[in-house]
Amino acid sequence: MERQLLIKEERKEFVISELIYFEVTKLADGRQLYEASLAELELLHIREKIKQARKVTVEQII
Protein backbone atom coordinates (compact mmCIF):
# COMPACT_ATOMS: atom_id res chain seq x y z
CA MET A 1 0.00 0.00 0.00
CA GLU A 2 2.74 2.45 1.00
CA ARG A 3 4.69 1.56 -2.16
CA GLN A 4 1.65 2.37 -4.33
CA LEU A 5 1.30 5.75 -2.64
CA LEU A 6 4.98 6.47 -3.25
CA ILE A 7 4.67 5.52 -6.94
CA LYS A 8 1.57 7.74 -7.27
CA GLU A 9 3.35 10.71 -5.67
CA GLU A 10 6.41 10.20 -7.89
CA ARG A 11 4.18 10.15 -10.97
CA LYS A 12 2.40 13.29 -9.79
CA GLU A 13 5.75 15.07 -9.35
CA PHE A 14 6.84 13.96 -12.83
CA VAL A 15 3.62 15.18 -14.49
CA ILE A 16 3.85 18.51 -12.65
CA SER A 17 7.43 18.98 -13.84
CA GLU A 18 6.35 18.21 -17.42
CA LEU A 19 3.53 20.74 -17.19
CA ILE A 20 5.90 23.38 -15.86
CA TYR A 21 8.18 22.62 -18.82
CA PHE A 22 5.18 23.38 -21.07
CA GLU A 23 4.77 26.62 -19.09
CA VAL A 24 1.56 25.49 -17.40
CA THR A 25 1.60 26.60 -13.78
CA LYS A 26 -2.09 26.60 -12.83
CA LEU A 27 -5.27 24.75 -13.65
CA ALA A 28 -8.03 26.47 -15.62
CA ASP A 29 -9.94 27.08 -12.39
CA GLY A 30 -6.97 28.89 -10.84
CA ARG A 31 -5.75 26.12 -8.53
CA GLN A 32 -2.05 25.38 -8.26
CA LEU A 33 -0.85 22.17 -9.91
CA TYR A 34 -0.02 20.51 -6.59
CA GLU A 35 -3.66 20.95 -5.52
CA ALA A 36 -4.95 18.79 -8.39
CA SER A 37 -5.49 15.06 -8.35
CA LEU A 38 -3.26 12.81 -10.40
CA ALA A 39 -6.15 12.15 -12.80
CA GLU A 40 -6.65 15.89 -13.41
CA LEU A 41 -2.93 16.35 -13.98
CA GLU A 42 -2.72 13.41 -16.38
CA LEU A 43 -5.58 14.80 -18.46
CA LEU A 44 -4.00 18.24 -18.59
CA HIS A 45 -0.65 16.67 -19.49
CA ILE A 46 -2.19 14.77 -22.40
CA ARG A 47 -3.89 17.93 -23.67
CA GLU A 48 -0.64 19.90 -23.49
CA LYS A 49 1.28 17.17 -25.33
CA ILE A 50 -1.32 17.23 -28.10
CA LYS A 51 -1.08 21.01 -28.26
CA GLN A 52 2.72 20.79 -28.55
CA ALA A 53 2.50 18.11 -31.24
CA ARG A 54 0.20 20.28 -33.33
CA LYS A 55 2.85 23.01 -33.33
CA VAL A 56 5.25 20.75 -35.21
CA THR A 57 5.13 21.43 -38.93
CA VAL A 58 5.53 18.85 -41.67
CA GLU A 59 8.94 20.33 -42.57
CA GLN A 60 10.19 19.74 -39.04
CA ILE A 61 9.16 16.08 -39.19
CA ILE A 62 10.85 15.36 -42.53
C-alpha atoms as a PDB file:
ATOM      1  CA  MET A   1       0.000   0.000   0.000  1.00  0.00           C
ATOM      2  CA  GLU A   2       2.735   2.448   0.999  1.00  0.00           C
ATOM      3  CA  ARG A   3       4.686   1.558  -2.162  1.00  0.00           C
ATOM      4  CA  GLN A   4       1.655   2.375  -4.329  1.00  0.00           C
ATOM      5  CA  LEU A   5       1.300   5.753  -2.637  1.00  0.00           C
ATOM      6  CA  LEU A   6       4.984   6.474  -3.253  1.00  0.00           C
ATOM      7  CA  ILE A   7       4.670   5.524  -6.939  1.00  0.00           C
ATOM      8  CA  LYS A   8       1.571   7.738  -7.271  1.00  0.00           C
ATOM      9  CA  GLU A   9       3.345  10.706  -5.671  1.00  0.00           C
ATOM     10  CA  GLU A  10       6.408  10.204  -7.893  1.00  0.00           C
ATOM     11  CA  ARG A  11       4.177  10.148 -10.968  1.00  0.00           C
ATOM     12  CA  LYS A  12       2.401  13.294  -9.794  1.00  0.00           C
ATOM     13  CA  GLU A  13       5.749  15.075  -9.354  1.00  0.00           C
ATOM     14  CA  PHE A  14       6.839  13.963 -12.831  1.00  0.00           C
ATOM     15  CA  VAL A  15       3.625  15.178 -14.488  1.00  0.00           C
ATOM     16  CA  ILE A  16       3.846  18.506 -12.655  1.00  0.00           C
ATOM     17  CA  SER A  17       7.428  18.982 -13.844  1.00  0.00           C
ATOM     18  CA  GLU A  18       6.352  18.206 -17.422  1.00  0.00           C
ATOM     19  CA  LEU A  19       3.532  20.742 -17.186  1.00  0.00           C
ATOM     20  CA  ILE A  20       5.897  23.377 -15.863  1.00  0.00           C
ATOM     21  CA  TYR A  21       8.179  22.623 -18.818  1.00  0.00           C
ATOM     22  CA  PHE A  22       5.179  23.375 -21.066  1.00  0.00           C
ATOM     23  CA  GLU A  23       4.766  26.621 -19.094  1.00  0.00           C
ATOM     24  CA  VAL A  24       1.557  25.493 -17.404  1.00  0.00           C
ATOM     25  CA  THR A  25       1.599  26.602 -13.778  1.00  0.00           C
ATOM     26  CA  LYS A  26      -2.089  26.599 -12.828  1.00  0.00           C
ATOM     27  CA  LEU A  27      -5.272  24.750 -13.652  1.00  0.00           C
ATOM     28  CA  ALA A  28      -8.030  26.474 -15.624  1.00  0.00           C
ATOM     29  CA  ASP A  29      -9.942  27.076 -12.388  1.00  0.00           C
ATOM     30  CA  GLY A  30      -6.973  28.890 -10.839  1.00  0.00           C
ATOM     31  CA  ARG A  31      -5.751  26.125  -8.534  1.00  0.00           C
ATOM     32  CA  GLN A  32      -2.048  25.381  -8.264  1.00  0.00           C
ATOM     33  CA  LEU A  33      -0.849  22.168  -9.911  1.00  0.00           C
ATOM     34  CA  TYR A  34      -0.017  20.513  -6.592  1.00  0.00           C
ATOM     35  CA  GLU A  35      -3.663  20.954  -5.522  1.00  0.00           C
ATOM     36  CA  ALA A  36      -4.949  18.788  -8.391  1.00  0.00           C
ATOM     37  CA  SER A  37      -5.492  15.065  -8.346  1.00  0.00           C
ATOM     38  CA  LEU A  38      -3.260  12.808 -10.396  1.00  0.00           C
ATOM     39  CA  ALA A  39      -6.149  12.149 -12.801  1.00  0.00           C
ATOM     40  CA  GLU A  40      -6.648  15.889 -13.405  1.00  0.00           C
ATOM     41  CA  LEU A  41      -2.933  16.354 -13.984  1.00  0.00           C
ATOM     42  CA  GLU A  42      -2.720  13.409 -16.376  1.00  0.00           C
ATOM     43  CA  LEU A  43      -5.584  14.800 -18.463  1.00  0.00           C
ATOM     44  CA  LEU A  44      -3.998  18.243 -18.593  1.00  0.00           C
ATOM     45  CA  HIS A  45      -0.649  16.675 -19.493  1.00  0.00           C
ATOM     46  CA  ILE A  46      -2.188  14.771 -22.404  1.00  0.00           C
ATOM     47  CA  ARG A  47      -3.892  17.932 -23.670  1.00  0.00           C
ATOM     48  CA  GLU A  48      -0.644  19.900 -23.495  1.00  0.00           C
ATOM     49  CA  LYS A  49       1.283  17.175 -25.331  1.00  0.00           C
ATOM     50  CA  ILE A  50      -1.321  17.228 -28.103  1.00  0.00           C
ATOM     51  CA  LYS A  51      -1.084  21.012 -28.259  1.00  0.00           C
ATOM     52  CA  GLN A  52       2.717  20.792 -28.554  1.00  0.00           C
ATOM     53  CA  ALA A  53       2.495  18.107 -31.239  1.00  0.00           C
ATOM     54  CA  ARG A  54       0.199  20.284 -33.329  1.00  0.00           C
ATOM     55  CA  LYS A  55       2.851  23.011 -33.331  1.00  0.00           C
ATOM     56  CA  VAL A  56       5.255  20.747 -35.206  1.00  0.00           C
ATOM     57  CA  THR A  57       5.132  21.427 -38.926  1.00  0.00           C
ATOM     58  CA  VAL A  58       5.535  18.850 -41.671  1.00  0.00           C
ATOM     59  CA  GLU A  59       8.936  20.331 -42.568  1.00  0.00           C
ATOM     60  CA  GLN A  60      10.195  19.737 -39.042  1.00  0.00           C
ATOM     61  CA  ILE A  61       9.160  16.082 -39.185  1.00  0.00           C
ATOM     62  CA  ILE A  62      10.847  15.360 -42.535  1.00  0.00           C
END
